[in-house]
Amino acid sequence: MLSIRLTRLGAKKRPFYRIVVTERDAKRDGRFVEIVGHYDPIAAPPVIKIDEERYDHWVKMGAQPTDSVRRCLRTQRRAAAAT
């Protein structure tokens, strides 16, 4: 089963996350199938970039996004609609 979730990068107390498609049983920072975006919570305002075409492709293939990834996607879509 595939999952779309965050994997942590960055230094101590300076997190940076990749949004990846991975096997559900893989470790948080372990192997992944594809990178579909990134999230930088430290920037002001936080930066969220998701390739929605690839995200939709993986969801159609059966990948389940986590709650935090759904929230990031919702935030990105709201920001795009506002501009």
N, C-alpha and C. Protein backbone atom coordinates (compact mmCIF):
# COMPACT_ATOMS: atom_id res chain seq x y z
N MET A 1 0.85 -1.18 0.00
CA MET A 1 0.00 0.00 0.00
C MET A 1 0.89 1.24 0.00
N LEU A 2 0.56 2.20 -0.84
CA LEU A 2 1.34 3.43 -0.94
C LEU A 2 0.75 4.53 -0.08
N SER A 3 1.62 5.42 0.37
CA SER A 3 1.22 6.55 1.19
C SER A 3 1.92 7.81 0.67
N ILE A 4 1.25 8.94 0.76
CA ILE A 4 1.86 10.23 0.43
C ILE A 4 2.04 10.95 1.76
N ARG A 5 3.30 11.17 2.13
CA ARG A 5 3.57 11.73 3.46
C ARG A 5 4.80 12.62 3.45
N LEU A 6 5.08 13.23 4.60
CA LEU A 6 6.22 14.11 4.75
C LEU A 6 7.44 13.31 5.20
N THR A 7 8.59 13.69 4.70
CA THR A 7 9.85 13.16 5.19
C THR A 7 10.71 14.35 5.60
N ARG A 8 11.36 14.27 6.77
CA ARG A 8 12.03 15.43 7.35
C ARG A 8 13.46 15.55 6.86
N LEU A 9 13.83 16.77 6.52
CA LEU A 9 15.19 17.14 6.18
C LEU A 9 15.53 18.38 7.00
N GLY A 10 16.70 18.92 6.79
CA GLY A 10 17.07 20.16 7.47
C GLY A 10 17.86 19.90 8.74
N ALA A 11 18.31 20.98 9.34
CA ALA A 11 19.13 20.90 10.54
C ALA A 11 18.26 20.83 11.80
N LYS A 12 18.91 20.65 12.91
CA LYS A 12 18.22 20.61 14.19
C LYS A 12 17.48 21.94 14.41
N LYS A 13 16.22 21.85 14.73
CA LYS A 13 15.33 23.00 14.97
C LYS A 13 15.12 23.88 13.73
N ARG A 14 15.49 23.38 12.55
CA ARG A 14 15.26 24.07 11.28
C ARG A 14 14.70 23.07 10.28
N PRO A 15 13.48 22.58 10.51
CA PRO A 15 12.95 21.52 9.66
C PRO A 15 12.62 21.99 8.24
N PHE A 16 12.71 21.05 7.34
CA PHE A 16 12.33 21.21 5.94
C PHE A 16 11.79 19.86 5.53
N TYR A 17 10.65 19.83 4.88
CA TYR A 17 10.02 18.55 4.58
C TYR A 17 9.86 18.35 3.08
N ARG A 18 10.05 17.11 2.64
CA ARG A 18 9.70 16.71 1.29
C ARG A 18 8.37 15.98 1.37
N ILE A 19 7.56 16.14 0.36
CA ILE A 19 6.32 15.39 0.26
C ILE A 19 6.61 14.26 -0.73
N VAL A 20 6.55 13.02 -0.22
CA VAL A 20 6.97 11.87 -1.02
C VAL A 20 5.89 10.80 -1.08
N VAL A 21 5.97 10.00 -2.12
CA VAL A 21 5.15 8.79 -2.25
C VAL A 21 6.04 7.64 -1.79
N THR A 22 5.56 6.87 -0.83
CA THR A 22 6.36 5.80 -0.26
C THR A 22 5.49 4.62 0.14
N GLU A 23 6.12 3.49 0.37
CA GLU A 23 5.39 2.35 0.92
C GLU A 23 4.98 2.70 2.35
N ARG A 24 3.81 2.27 2.74
CA ARG A 24 3.29 2.59 4.06
C ARG A 24 4.20 2.06 5.18
N ASP A 25 4.87 0.93 4.94
CA ASP A 25 5.71 0.31 5.98
C ASP A 25 7.12 0.88 6.04
N ALA A 26 7.50 1.74 5.09
CA ALA A 26 8.85 2.31 5.07
C ALA A 26 9.05 3.28 6.23
N LYS A 27 10.30 3.45 6.64
CA LYS A 27 10.62 4.39 7.71
C LYS A 27 10.31 5.82 7.26
N ARG A 28 10.16 6.71 8.22
CA ARG A 28 9.80 8.10 7.90
C ARG A 28 10.77 8.74 6.92
N ASP A 29 12.06 8.55 7.14
CA ASP A 29 13.07 9.15 6.27
C ASP A 29 13.73 8.10 5.38
N GLY A 30 13.04 7.00 5.15
CA GLY A 30 13.61 5.90 4.38
C GLY A 30 13.34 6.02 2.88
N ARG A 31 13.29 4.87 2.24
CA ARG A 31 13.11 4.82 0.78
C ARG A 31 11.76 5.39 0.37
N PHE A 32 11.75 5.97 -0.83
CA PHE A 32 10.52 6.51 -1.36
C PHE A 32 10.47 6.24 -2.86
N VAL A 33 9.27 6.36 -3.42
CA VAL A 33 9.07 6.10 -4.85
C VAL A 33 9.30 7.38 -5.65
N GLU A 34 8.71 8.49 -5.19
CA GLU A 34 8.81 9.75 -5.94
C GLU A 34 8.61 10.94 -5.01
N ILE A 35 9.31 12.03 -5.31
CA ILE A 35 9.12 13.29 -4.60
C ILE A 35 8.06 14.08 -5.37
N VAL A 36 6.99 14.48 -4.69
CA VAL A 36 5.93 15.24 -5.36
C VAL A 36 5.85 16.69 -4.89
N GLY A 37 6.69 17.08 -3.93
CA GLY A 37 6.66 18.47 -3.48
C GLY A 37 7.56 18.69 -2.28
N HIS A 38 7.47 19.90 -1.72
CA HIS A 38 8.21 20.22 -0.50
C HIS A 38 7.44 21.24 0.32
N TYR A 39 7.82 21.33 1.60
CA TYR A 39 7.15 22.22 2.55
C TYR A 39 8.21 22.80 3.47
N ASP A 40 8.28 24.13 3.54
CA ASP A 40 9.24 24.82 4.40
C ASP A 40 8.46 25.64 5.43
N PRO A 41 8.29 25.12 6.66
CA PRO A 41 7.51 25.83 7.67
C PRO A 41 8.25 27.01 8.31
N ILE A 42 9.57 27.11 8.13
CA ILE A 42 10.35 28.16 8.76
C ILE A 42 10.22 29.49 8.01
N ALA A 43 10.06 29.43 6.71
CA ALA A 43 9.94 30.66 5.90
C ALA A 43 8.69 31.44 6.32
N ALA A 44 8.74 32.74 6.09
CA ALA A 44 7.58 33.57 6.43
C ALA A 44 7.06 34.21 5.17
N PRO A 45 5.91 33.87 4.66
CA PRO A 45 4.99 32.80 5.07
C PRO A 45 5.54 31.44 4.66
N PRO A 46 5.07 30.37 5.30
CA PRO A 46 5.55 29.02 4.96
C PRO A 46 5.38 28.72 3.47
N VAL A 47 6.37 28.05 2.89
CA VAL A 47 6.38 27.73 1.47
C VAL A 47 5.88 26.30 1.28
N ILE A 48 4.87 26.14 0.43
CA ILE A 48 4.34 24.82 0.10
C ILE A 48 4.28 24.72 -1.42
N LYS A 49 4.97 23.73 -1.96
CA LYS A 49 4.95 23.48 -3.40
C LYS A 49 4.64 22.01 -3.62
N ILE A 50 3.52 21.72 -4.27
CA ILE A 50 3.14 20.35 -4.59
C ILE A 50 2.82 20.28 -6.07
N ASP A 51 3.38 19.30 -6.75
CA ASP A 51 3.07 19.05 -8.15
C ASP A 51 1.72 18.34 -8.17
N GLU A 52 0.66 19.10 -8.37
CA GLU A 52 -0.70 18.56 -8.25
C GLU A 52 -0.99 17.49 -9.30
N GLU A 53 -0.38 17.58 -10.46
CA GLU A 53 -0.59 16.56 -11.49
C GLU A 53 -0.08 15.20 -11.01
N ARG A 54 1.14 15.18 -10.46
CA ARG A 54 1.71 13.93 -9.95
C ARG A 54 0.96 13.45 -8.70
N TYR A 55 0.57 14.40 -7.84
CA TYR A 55 -0.21 14.06 -6.65
C TYR A 55 -1.50 13.35 -7.05
N ASP A 56 -2.24 13.94 -8.00
CA ASP A 56 -3.48 13.33 -8.46
C ASP A 56 -3.24 11.97 -9.10
N HIS A 57 -2.15 11.84 -9.83
CA HIS A 57 -1.80 10.55 -10.45
C HIS A 57 -1.65 9.47 -9.37
N TRP A 58 -0.90 9.78 -8.32
CA TRP A 58 -0.66 8.78 -7.28
C TRP A 58 -1.92 8.48 -6.48
N VAL A 59 -2.77 9.46 -6.28
CA VAL A 59 -4.03 9.22 -5.57
C VAL A 59 -4.91 8.28 -6.41
N LYS A 60 -4.92 8.49 -7.72
CA LYS A 60 -5.68 7.59 -8.60
C LYS A 60 -5.12 6.18 -8.59
N MET A 61 -3.81 6.06 -8.37
CA MET A 61 -3.17 4.74 -8.31
C MET A 61 -3.38 4.06 -6.96
N GLY A 62 -4.02 4.76 -6.00
CA GLY A 62 -4.34 4.15 -4.72
C GLY A 62 -3.54 4.64 -3.53
N ALA A 63 -2.65 5.62 -3.72
CA ALA A 63 -1.87 6.15 -2.60
C ALA A 63 -2.77 6.96 -1.67
N GLN A 64 -2.59 6.79 -0.38
CA GLN A 64 -3.38 7.49 0.62
C GLN A 64 -2.57 8.63 1.23
N PRO A 65 -2.99 9.89 1.07
CA PRO A 65 -2.25 11.00 1.70
C PRO A 65 -2.52 11.06 3.19
N THR A 66 -1.53 11.51 3.95
CA THR A 66 -1.70 11.70 5.39
C THR A 66 -2.48 13.00 5.62
N ASP A 67 -2.94 13.21 6.83
CA ASP A 67 -3.68 14.42 7.17
C ASP A 67 -2.85 15.67 6.94
N SER A 68 -1.56 15.63 7.30
CA SER A 68 -0.72 16.82 7.13
C SER A 68 -0.51 17.15 5.65
N VAL A 69 -0.42 16.15 4.80
CA VAL A 69 -0.27 16.40 3.35
C VAL A 69 -1.58 16.97 2.79
N ARG A 70 -2.71 16.45 3.24
CA ARG A 70 -4.00 17.00 2.79
C ARG A 70 -4.12 18.47 3.18
N ARG A 71 -3.68 18.81 4.38
CA ARG A 71 -3.74 20.19 4.85
C ARG A 71 -2.82 21.08 4.01
N CYS A 72 -1.62 20.59 3.68
CA CYS A 72 -0.70 21.36 2.83
C CYS A 72 -1.31 21.60 1.45
N LEU A 73 -1.91 20.58 0.87
CA LEU A 73 -2.53 20.72 -0.45
C LEU A 73 -3.69 21.71 -0.40
N ARG A 74 -4.50 21.63 0.63
CA ARG A 74 -5.62 22.56 0.78
C ARG A 74 -5.11 24.00 0.89
N THR A 75 -4.03 24.21 1.65
CA THR A 75 -3.44 25.54 1.80
C THR A 75 -2.91 26.04 0.46
N GLN A 76 -2.24 25.18 -0.30
CA GLN A 76 -1.70 25.59 -1.60
C GLN A 76 -2.83 25.95 -2.55
N ARG A 77 -3.90 25.17 -2.58
CA ARG A 77 -5.02 25.46 -3.48
C ARG A 77 -5.72 26.75 -3.10
N ARG A 78 -5.85 27.04 -1.81
CA ARG A 78 -6.45 28.30 -1.37
C ARG A 78 -5.61 29.48 -1.80
N ALA A 79 -4.28 29.36 -1.66
CA ALA A 79 -3.38 30.45 -2.05
C ALA A 79 -3.43 30.68 -3.55
N ALA A 80 -3.53 29.61 -4.32
CA ALA A 80 -3.61 29.75 -5.78
C ALA A 80 -4.93 30.40 -6.20
N ALA A 81 -5.99 30.09 -5.49
CA ALA A 81 -7.31 30.67 -5.82
C ALA A 81 -7.35 32.16 -5.46
N ALA A 82 -6.60 32.55 -4.45
CA ALA A 82 -6.60 33.94 -4.01
C ALA A 82 -5.83 34.86 -4.98
N THR A 83 -4.93 34.29 -5.78
CA THR A 83 -4.14 35.14 -6.69
C THR A 83 -4.72 35.18 -8.07
